[in-house]
Each structure stands twice: as C-alpha cells, then as structure tokens.
Amino acid sequence: MWESILKVIPIYFSSMFKFILGPVGGYAAGLTLMTTILVTVAGMMTVVLLFSFFGDFMRRQLLRIRTKRRLFSKRSRKIVVIWQKYGLLGVAILTPVFLTPIGGCVLAISFGTPKEKLIFYMFVSAAFWSVIFSSLIYFFGNEVLPDIIR
C-alpha cells in the first residue's frame, strides 16, 4: 500500500504544475489507467481550488509588494485577446493543453470569473483531457515514448 502511495505523490504534484506530466508519470510509474486519470484530475483541481479561493488574497499581496508595474505590455495584451476570443470555456479547454493549471486559473480569476463556474469548467476540462491524454499514452506509449520512460 505504501508503495502505491509513494508512486502517486510525485505524479499528483507534477500534474499540479504541468498537466501532461500526470499521464506520462503514471505510465512510467506503472499505475493503472484509472489511477492515473484520477490522480491527474486531482492535481489540476487542487490548483484550481487553491487559486479560486485564495487567488484574490494572493493578488492583493503581490500587488502590494510589486508597485511598479507596466499596465499595457505585450503579454497583458495577449492575455486580453485570449480572454475576449475564447472566454471561460475556451480558457478551460486550453488550460491542460497549452497553459499550465496555474496559468489558466490565474487568467480566469484575473477577469473576475465566478468561483463556481471556474471550478465546474476546469473540472470538466481536466476530466476530459485526462481521459484523452492518459488513454493515448497507455495505448500508444510503447511506440511513442522513449525507452527511458518505459
């Protein structure tokens, strides 16, 4: 039992920071497909819950520390374009694929998304992409992934 828990912990933490590392790590650790899916979703949703409930507090602390700030930079313009183009649904769908769970959550919170909507959309997106990525890696991993991971 302890061996299984010790295998799951690094995968859980890595999927908190980069979503694709959950399915790859689960495959490399020899976990079952269902365990990998659940741990990957749990890792992303931990970040979403932390940032949705403590995001305002963290933003206030960061703004207090960092008073000099360029309001209109290239990066902030790109973020506004992404939000205007895709909205919450698009950001939730793009988060596991292109953004990190932290980046997608911070982006959604910075535009004042209600917590309930954010949690729901991010959960659906995490569950969907976790099933897709994990299934692809588990079924085609032997042909696609390098020998080091297997």
N, C-alpha and C. Protein backbone atom coordinates (compact mmCIF):
# COMPACT_ATOMS: atom_id res chain seq x y z
N MET A 1 0.81 -1.19 0.00
CA MET A 1 0.00 0.00 0.00
C MET A 1 0.85 1.26 0.00
N TRP A 2 1.88 1.29 0.87
CA TRP A 2 2.75 2.46 0.93
C TRP A 2 3.49 2.67 -0.38
N GLU A 3 3.79 1.59 -1.03
CA GLU A 3 4.48 1.69 -2.32
C GLU A 3 3.60 2.40 -3.35
N SER A 4 2.32 2.07 -3.36
CA SER A 4 1.38 2.72 -4.28
C SER A 4 1.23 4.19 -3.97
N ILE A 5 1.14 4.52 -2.70
CA ILE A 5 1.02 5.93 -2.30
C ILE A 5 2.26 6.70 -2.69
N LEU A 6 3.42 6.10 -2.49
CA LEU A 6 4.67 6.78 -2.86
C LEU A 6 4.80 6.95 -4.37
N LYS A 7 4.18 6.10 -5.15
CA LYS A 7 4.17 6.27 -6.61
C LYS A 7 3.24 7.40 -7.03
N VAL A 8 2.16 7.56 -6.30
CA VAL A 8 1.12 8.53 -6.69
C VAL A 8 1.52 9.96 -6.34
N ILE A 9 2.21 10.16 -5.23
CA ILE A 9 2.51 11.51 -4.76
C ILE A 9 3.28 12.36 -5.77
N PRO A 10 4.37 11.89 -6.38
CA PRO A 10 5.06 12.74 -7.36
C PRO A 10 4.21 13.04 -8.60
N ILE A 11 3.37 12.09 -8.98
CA ILE A 11 2.52 12.31 -10.15
C ILE A 11 1.47 13.36 -9.83
N TYR A 12 0.94 13.30 -8.64
CA TYR A 12 -0.04 14.30 -8.18
C TYR A 12 0.56 15.70 -8.21
N PHE A 13 1.75 15.86 -7.64
CA PHE A 13 2.38 17.18 -7.59
C PHE A 13 2.83 17.66 -8.97
N SER A 14 3.30 16.75 -9.80
CA SER A 14 3.73 17.19 -11.14
C SER A 14 2.54 17.60 -12.00
N SER A 15 1.39 16.96 -11.82
CA SER A 15 0.22 17.37 -12.60
C SER A 15 -0.37 18.68 -12.08
N MET A 16 0.03 19.10 -10.91
CA MET A 16 -0.39 20.42 -10.42
C MET A 16 0.30 21.53 -11.20
N PHE A 17 1.50 21.28 -11.67
CA PHE A 17 2.27 22.31 -12.35
C PHE A 17 2.22 22.20 -13.87
N LYS A 18 2.21 20.98 -14.38
CA LYS A 18 2.09 20.76 -15.82
C LYS A 18 1.23 19.53 -16.03
N PHE A 19 0.10 19.71 -16.66
CA PHE A 19 -0.94 18.68 -16.74
C PHE A 19 -0.45 17.40 -17.41
N ILE A 20 0.29 17.50 -18.49
CA ILE A 20 0.70 16.33 -19.27
C ILE A 20 1.65 15.43 -18.48
N LEU A 21 2.31 15.98 -17.46
CA LEU A 21 3.22 15.17 -16.66
C LEU A 21 2.49 14.12 -15.83
N GLY A 22 1.21 14.32 -15.57
CA GLY A 22 0.43 13.33 -14.84
C GLY A 22 0.29 12.02 -15.61
N PRO A 23 -0.26 12.06 -16.83
CA PRO A 23 -0.37 10.80 -17.59
C PRO A 23 0.97 10.16 -17.93
N VAL A 24 1.96 10.96 -18.28
CA VAL A 24 3.27 10.40 -18.60
C VAL A 24 3.90 9.77 -17.35
N GLY A 25 3.80 10.45 -16.22
CA GLY A 25 4.34 9.92 -14.97
C GLY A 25 3.62 8.68 -14.50
N GLY A 26 2.30 8.65 -14.66
CA GLY A 26 1.53 7.48 -14.28
C GLY A 26 1.89 6.27 -15.11
N TYR A 27 2.10 6.49 -16.39
CA TYR A 27 2.51 5.40 -17.28
C TYR A 27 3.91 4.91 -16.91
N ALA A 28 4.81 5.84 -16.65
CA ALA A 28 6.18 5.47 -16.31
C ALA A 28 6.25 4.76 -14.96
N ALA A 29 5.37 5.13 -14.03
CA ALA A 29 5.38 4.51 -12.71
C ALA A 29 4.67 3.17 -12.69
N GLY A 30 3.97 2.84 -13.75
CA GLY A 30 3.28 1.57 -13.81
C GLY A 30 1.93 1.56 -13.11
N LEU A 31 1.32 2.73 -12.96
CA LEU A 31 -0.01 2.80 -12.35
C LEU A 31 -1.07 2.34 -13.34
N THR A 32 -2.23 2.02 -12.84
CA THR A 32 -3.32 1.66 -13.74
C THR A 32 -3.84 2.91 -14.44
N LEU A 33 -4.54 2.71 -15.53
CA LEU A 33 -5.09 3.83 -16.29
C LEU A 33 -6.04 4.66 -15.43
N MET A 34 -6.93 4.02 -14.70
CA MET A 34 -7.90 4.74 -13.89
C MET A 34 -7.22 5.54 -12.77
N THR A 35 -6.21 4.97 -12.15
CA THR A 35 -5.48 5.69 -11.10
C THR A 35 -4.79 6.91 -11.67
N THR A 36 -4.21 6.77 -12.83
CA THR A 36 -3.54 7.90 -13.48
C THR A 36 -4.53 9.01 -13.79
N ILE A 37 -5.68 8.64 -14.31
CA ILE A 37 -6.71 9.65 -14.63
C ILE A 37 -7.15 10.38 -13.37
N LEU A 38 -7.43 9.65 -12.32
CA LEU A 38 -7.90 10.26 -11.07
C LEU A 38 -6.84 11.16 -10.44
N VAL A 39 -5.60 10.71 -10.43
CA VAL A 39 -4.53 11.50 -9.81
C VAL A 39 -4.26 12.77 -10.63
N THR A 40 -4.32 12.68 -11.94
CA THR A 40 -4.09 13.86 -12.79
C THR A 40 -5.19 14.89 -12.58
N VAL A 41 -6.44 14.45 -12.54
CA VAL A 41 -7.55 15.37 -12.30
C VAL A 41 -7.43 15.98 -10.90
N ALA A 42 -7.08 15.17 -9.92
CA ALA A 42 -6.94 15.68 -8.56
C ALA A 42 -5.83 16.73 -8.46
N GLY A 43 -4.73 16.53 -9.18
CA GLY A 43 -3.66 17.51 -9.16
C GLY A 43 -4.08 18.84 -9.74
N MET A 44 -4.73 18.82 -10.89
CA MET A 44 -5.18 20.08 -11.50
C MET A 44 -6.25 20.75 -10.66
N MET A 45 -7.17 19.98 -10.14
CA MET A 45 -8.26 20.58 -9.36
C MET A 45 -7.78 21.14 -8.03
N THR A 46 -6.71 20.60 -7.48
CA THR A 46 -6.14 21.19 -6.27
C THR A 46 -5.68 22.61 -6.54
N VAL A 47 -5.00 22.81 -7.66
CA VAL A 47 -4.55 24.15 -8.04
C VAL A 47 -5.74 25.07 -8.27
N VAL A 48 -6.74 24.57 -8.98
CA VAL A 48 -7.92 25.40 -9.27
C VAL A 48 -8.61 25.80 -7.98
N LEU A 49 -8.79 24.88 -7.06
CA LEU A 49 -9.44 25.22 -5.79
C LEU A 49 -8.61 26.19 -4.97
N LEU A 50 -7.30 25.97 -4.91
CA LEU A 50 -6.45 26.90 -4.16
C LEU A 50 -6.51 28.31 -4.72
N PHE A 51 -6.39 28.42 -6.04
CA PHE A 51 -6.38 29.74 -6.65
C PHE A 51 -7.76 30.37 -6.68
N SER A 52 -8.81 29.58 -6.75
CA SER A 52 -10.13 30.20 -6.78
C SER A 52 -10.52 30.73 -5.40
N PHE A 53 -10.08 30.09 -4.33
CA PHE A 53 -10.43 30.56 -3.00
C PHE A 53 -9.41 31.52 -2.40
N PHE A 54 -8.14 31.40 -2.79
CA PHE A 54 -7.11 32.26 -2.24
C PHE A 54 -6.49 33.18 -3.29
N GLY A 55 -7.02 33.18 -4.50
CA GLY A 55 -6.46 33.98 -5.59
C GLY A 55 -6.52 35.48 -5.34
N ASP A 56 -7.64 35.95 -4.81
CA ASP A 56 -7.77 37.38 -4.53
C ASP A 56 -6.76 37.82 -3.47
N PHE A 57 -6.60 37.02 -2.45
CA PHE A 57 -5.64 37.34 -1.40
C PHE A 57 -4.22 37.38 -1.96
N MET A 58 -3.87 36.38 -2.78
CA MET A 58 -2.52 36.34 -3.36
C MET A 58 -2.30 37.51 -4.30
N ARG A 59 -3.32 37.88 -5.06
CA ARG A 59 -3.18 39.01 -5.98
C ARG A 59 -2.95 40.31 -5.21
N ARG A 60 -3.69 40.52 -4.12
CA ARG A 60 -3.50 41.73 -3.31
C ARG A 60 -2.10 41.77 -2.71
N GLN A 61 -1.60 40.64 -2.24
CA GLN A 61 -0.26 40.60 -1.66
C GLN A 61 0.81 40.89 -2.71
N LEU A 62 0.61 40.33 -3.89
CA LEU A 62 1.57 40.54 -4.97
C LEU A 62 1.57 41.99 -5.43
N LEU A 63 0.40 42.59 -5.53
CA LEU A 63 0.32 44.00 -5.93
C LEU A 63 0.91 44.92 -4.87
N ARG A 64 0.76 44.56 -3.61
CA ARG A 64 1.34 45.36 -2.54
C ARG A 64 2.87 45.32 -2.59
N ILE A 65 3.41 44.17 -2.90
CA ILE A 65 4.87 44.02 -2.97
C ILE A 65 5.40 44.67 -4.24
N ARG A 66 4.72 44.46 -5.33
CA ARG A 66 5.19 44.92 -6.63
C ARG A 66 4.38 46.14 -7.06
N THR A 67 4.88 47.33 -6.71
CA THR A 67 4.12 48.55 -7.00
C THR A 67 4.41 49.07 -8.40
N LYS A 68 5.62 48.91 -8.88
CA LYS A 68 5.94 49.35 -10.23
C LYS A 68 5.49 48.28 -11.20
N ARG A 69 4.57 48.67 -12.06
CA ARG A 69 4.03 47.69 -12.98
C ARG A 69 3.63 48.37 -14.27
N ARG A 70 4.04 47.79 -15.37
CA ARG A 70 3.59 48.29 -16.66
C ARG A 70 2.19 47.76 -16.90
N LEU A 71 1.27 48.66 -17.16
CA LEU A 71 -0.11 48.25 -17.31
C LEU A 71 -0.37 47.59 -18.65
N PHE A 72 0.19 48.16 -19.72
CA PHE A 72 -0.06 47.63 -21.05
C PHE A 72 1.24 47.11 -21.66
N SER A 73 1.47 45.84 -21.50
CA SER A 73 2.63 45.20 -22.11
C SER A 73 2.13 44.24 -23.18
N LYS A 74 3.05 43.68 -23.95
CA LYS A 74 2.65 42.71 -24.98
C LYS A 74 1.96 41.51 -24.35
N ARG A 75 2.49 41.08 -23.22
CA ARG A 75 1.93 39.92 -22.55
C ARG A 75 0.50 40.19 -22.08
N SER A 76 0.26 41.36 -21.47
CA SER A 76 -1.09 41.65 -20.99
C SER A 76 -2.07 41.80 -22.14
N ARG A 77 -1.61 42.32 -23.26
CA ARG A 77 -2.49 42.43 -24.43
C ARG A 77 -2.86 41.04 -24.97
N LYS A 78 -1.89 40.12 -25.00
CA LYS A 78 -2.17 38.75 -25.46
C LYS A 78 -3.19 38.07 -24.55
N ILE A 79 -3.06 38.29 -23.26
CA ILE A 79 -3.99 37.69 -22.31
C ILE A 79 -5.40 38.22 -22.54
N VAL A 80 -5.53 39.51 -22.76
CA VAL A 80 -6.85 40.10 -23.01
C VAL A 80 -7.43 39.56 -24.31
N VAL A 81 -6.61 39.40 -25.34
CA VAL A 81 -7.10 38.86 -26.61
C VAL A 81 -7.59 37.43 -26.43
N ILE A 82 -6.85 36.62 -25.69
CA ILE A 82 -7.27 35.23 -25.44
C ILE A 82 -8.61 35.21 -24.72
N TRP A 83 -8.75 36.06 -23.71
CA TRP A 83 -10.00 36.07 -22.94
C TRP A 83 -11.17 36.54 -23.81
N GLN A 84 -10.97 37.61 -24.59
CA GLN A 84 -12.05 38.12 -25.43
C GLN A 84 -12.44 37.13 -26.52
N LYS A 85 -11.47 36.41 -27.03
CA LYS A 85 -11.73 35.48 -28.11
C LYS A 85 -12.42 34.21 -27.64
N TYR A 86 -11.97 33.66 -26.52
CA TYR A 86 -12.43 32.35 -26.10
C TYR A 86 -13.28 32.33 -24.83
N GLY A 87 -13.14 33.29 -23.95
CA GLY A 87 -13.91 33.32 -22.72
C GLY A 87 -13.49 32.21 -21.76
N LEU A 88 -14.33 31.98 -20.77
CA LEU A 88 -14.01 30.98 -19.75
C LEU A 88 -13.98 29.57 -20.32
N LEU A 89 -14.91 29.24 -21.18
CA LEU A 89 -14.95 27.90 -21.77
C LEU A 89 -13.68 27.62 -22.56
N GLY A 90 -13.25 28.57 -23.36
CA GLY A 90 -12.03 28.39 -24.15
C GLY A 90 -10.79 28.28 -23.29
N VAL A 91 -10.72 29.11 -22.26
CA VAL A 91 -9.56 29.05 -21.36
C VAL A 91 -9.54 27.71 -20.63
N ALA A 92 -10.71 27.23 -20.21
CA ALA A 92 -10.77 25.94 -19.51
C ALA A 92 -10.35 24.80 -20.44
N ILE A 93 -10.76 24.86 -21.69
CA ILE A 93 -10.37 23.82 -22.64
C ILE A 93 -8.89 23.90 -22.98
N LEU A 94 -8.36 25.11 -23.10
CA LEU A 94 -6.95 25.27 -23.46
C LEU A 94 -5.98 25.06 -22.30
N THR A 95 -6.45 25.14 -21.08
CA THR A 95 -5.55 25.06 -19.92
C THR A 95 -4.73 23.78 -19.88
N PRO A 96 -5.31 22.58 -19.97
CA PRO A 96 -4.46 21.39 -19.90
C PRO A 96 -3.56 21.21 -21.11
N VAL A 97 -3.97 21.75 -22.26
CA VAL A 97 -3.21 21.51 -23.48
C VAL A 97 -2.07 22.51 -23.63
N PHE A 98 -2.36 23.79 -23.51
CA PHE A 98 -1.35 24.82 -23.79
C PHE A 98 -0.89 25.57 -22.55
N LEU A 99 -1.80 25.85 -21.66
CA LEU A 99 -1.46 26.59 -20.45
C LEU A 99 -1.14 25.60 -19.32
N THR A 100 -0.63 26.09 -18.25
CA THR A 100 -0.49 25.25 -17.07
C THR A 100 -1.75 25.42 -16.23
N PRO A 101 -2.04 24.50 -15.32
CA PRO A 101 -3.21 24.69 -14.45
C PRO A 101 -3.15 26.02 -13.69
N ILE A 102 -1.97 26.41 -13.28
CA ILE A 102 -1.82 27.68 -12.57
C ILE A 102 -2.12 28.84 -13.52
N GLY A 103 -1.56 28.81 -14.72
CA GLY A 103 -1.75 29.89 -15.68
C GLY A 103 -3.20 30.07 -16.09
N GLY A 104 -3.88 28.97 -16.38
CA GLY A 104 -5.27 29.06 -16.78
C GLY A 104 -6.16 29.56 -15.66
N CYS A 105 -5.89 29.13 -14.46
CA CYS A 105 -6.68 29.55 -13.32
C CYS A 105 -6.45 31.03 -13.00
N VAL A 106 -5.22 31.46 -13.03
CA VAL A 106 -4.91 32.87 -12.78
C VAL A 106 -5.53 33.75 -13.85
N LEU A 107 -5.48 33.30 -15.09
CA LEU A 107 -6.09 34.06 -16.19
C LEU A 107 -7.59 34.21 -15.96
N ALA A 108 -8.27 33.15 -15.61
CA ALA A 108 -9.71 33.21 -15.39
C ALA A 108 -10.07 34.06 -14.18
N ILE A 109 -9.30 33.94 -13.11
CA ILE A 109 -9.58 34.72 -11.90
C ILE A 109 -9.32 36.20 -12.13
N SER A 110 -8.32 36.52 -12.92
CA SER A 110 -8.00 37.93 -13.14
C SER A 110 -9.09 38.67 -13.89
N PHE A 111 -9.95 37.94 -14.59
CA PHE A 111 -11.06 38.57 -15.28
C PHE A 111 -12.37 38.46 -14.49
N GLY A 112 -12.29 38.08 -13.24
CA GLY A 112 -13.45 38.09 -12.36
C GLY A 112 -14.45 36.97 -12.58
N THR A 113 -13.98 35.82 -12.97
CA THR A 113 -14.88 34.68 -13.17
C THR A 113 -15.44 34.21 -11.84
N PRO A 114 -16.74 33.91 -11.77
CA PRO A 114 -17.29 33.36 -10.53
C PRO A 114 -16.65 32.01 -10.19
N LYS A 115 -16.42 31.79 -8.92
CA LYS A 115 -15.71 30.59 -8.47
C LYS A 115 -16.41 29.30 -8.88
N GLU A 116 -17.74 29.28 -8.77
CA GLU A 116 -18.48 28.05 -9.08
C GLU A 116 -18.32 27.69 -10.55
N LYS A 117 -18.41 28.69 -11.43
CA LYS A 117 -18.26 28.42 -12.86
C LYS A 117 -16.84 27.98 -13.18
N LEU A 118 -15.87 28.63 -12.58
CA LEU A 118 -14.47 28.29 -12.80
C LEU A 118 -14.19 26.84 -12.39
N ILE A 119 -14.64 26.47 -11.21
CA ILE A 119 -14.40 25.11 -10.72
C ILE A 119 -15.08 24.09 -11.62
N PHE A 120 -16.32 24.34 -12.02
CA PHE A 120 -17.04 23.40 -12.86
C PHE A 120 -16.38 23.23 -14.22
N TYR A 121 -16.09 24.34 -14.90
CA TYR A 121 -15.49 24.25 -16.24
C TYR A 121 -14.11 23.61 -16.19
N MET A 122 -13.32 23.96 -15.20
CA MET A 122 -11.98 23.38 -15.09
C MET A 122 -12.05 21.88 -14.77
N PHE A 123 -13.04 21.47 -13.96
CA PHE A 123 -13.19 20.05 -13.66
C PHE A 123 -13.56 19.26 -14.91
N VAL A 124 -14.51 19.77 -15.67
CA VAL A 124 -14.91 19.08 -16.90
C VAL A 124 -13.74 19.00 -17.87
N SER A 125 -13.00 20.09 -18.00
CA SER A 125 -11.85 20.09 -18.89
C SER A 125 -10.76 19.14 -18.41
N ALA A 126 -10.49 19.14 -17.11
CA ALA A 126 -9.45 18.24 -16.57
C ALA A 126 -9.85 16.79 -16.75
N ALA A 127 -11.10 16.47 -16.50
CA ALA A 127 -11.56 15.09 -16.66
C ALA A 127 -11.48 14.65 -18.12
N PHE A 128 -11.93 15.51 -19.02
CA PHE A 128 -11.90 15.19 -20.45
C PHE A 128 -10.48 14.97 -20.95
N TRP A 129 -9.60 15.94 -20.69
CA TRP A 129 -8.23 15.84 -21.20
C TRP A 129 -7.43 14.75 -20.50
N SER A 130 -7.73 14.48 -19.24
CA SER A 130 -7.03 13.41 -18.55
C SER A 130 -7.36 12.06 -19.17
N VAL A 131 -8.63 11.84 -19.50
CA VAL A 131 -9.02 10.59 -20.17
C VAL A 131 -8.35 10.49 -21.53
N ILE A 132 -8.36 11.58 -22.29
CA ILE A 132 -7.77 11.57 -23.64
C ILE A 132 -6.26 11.31 -23.57
N PHE A 133 -5.54 12.14 -22.80
CA PHE A 133 -4.09 12.00 -22.73
C PHE A 133 -3.66 10.66 -22.15
N SER A 134 -4.29 10.27 -21.06
CA SER A 134 -3.91 9.00 -20.42
C SER A 134 -4.19 7.82 -21.33
N SER A 135 -5.34 7.82 -21.98
CA SER A 135 -5.66 6.71 -22.90
C SER A 135 -4.66 6.64 -24.04
N LEU A 136 -4.35 7.78 -24.63
CA LEU A 136 -3.38 7.79 -25.73
C LEU A 136 -2.02 7.29 -25.27
N ILE A 137 -1.59 7.75 -24.12
CA ILE A 137 -0.26 7.34 -23.62
C ILE A 137 -0.25 5.87 -23.25
N TYR A 138 -1.30 5.38 -22.63
CA TYR A 138 -1.33 3.97 -22.23
C TYR A 138 -1.48 3.03 -23.42
N PHE A 139 -2.21 3.44 -24.45
CA PHE A 139 -2.40 2.55 -25.59
C PHE A 139 -1.29 2.65 -26.63
N PHE A 140 -0.69 3.84 -26.77
CA PHE A 140 0.35 4.02 -27.78
C PHE A 140 1.70 4.34 -27.17
N GLY A 141 1.83 4.22 -25.86
CA GLY A 141 3.06 4.60 -25.17
C GLY A 141 4.27 3.80 -25.57
N ASN A 142 4.11 2.52 -25.83
CA ASN A 142 5.25 1.68 -26.19
C ASN A 142 5.87 2.11 -27.51
N GLU A 143 5.06 2.59 -28.43
CA GLU A 143 5.57 3.01 -29.73
C GLU A 143 6.07 4.45 -29.75
N VAL A 144 5.50 5.29 -28.91
CA VAL A 144 5.76 6.72 -28.99
C VAL A 144 6.79 7.21 -27.99
N LEU A 145 6.70 6.75 -26.75
CA LEU A 145 7.57 7.27 -25.69
C LEU A 145 8.95 6.63 -25.76
N PRO A 146 9.95 7.38 -25.35
CA PRO A 146 11.32 6.84 -25.36
C PRO A 146 11.49 5.71 -24.33
N ASP A 147 12.55 4.95 -24.52
CA ASP A 147 12.80 3.79 -23.64
C ASP A 147 13.03 4.19 -22.19
N ILE A 148 13.46 5.39 -21.95
CA ILE A 148 13.74 5.83 -20.57
C ILE A 148 12.46 5.85 -19.75
N ILE A 149 11.36 6.27 -20.36
CA ILE A 149 10.10 6.40 -19.62
C ILE A 149 9.47 5.03 -19.38
N ARG A 150 9.64 4.09 -20.28
CA ARG A 150 9.01 2.77 -20.14
C ARG A 150 9.59 1.96 -19.04
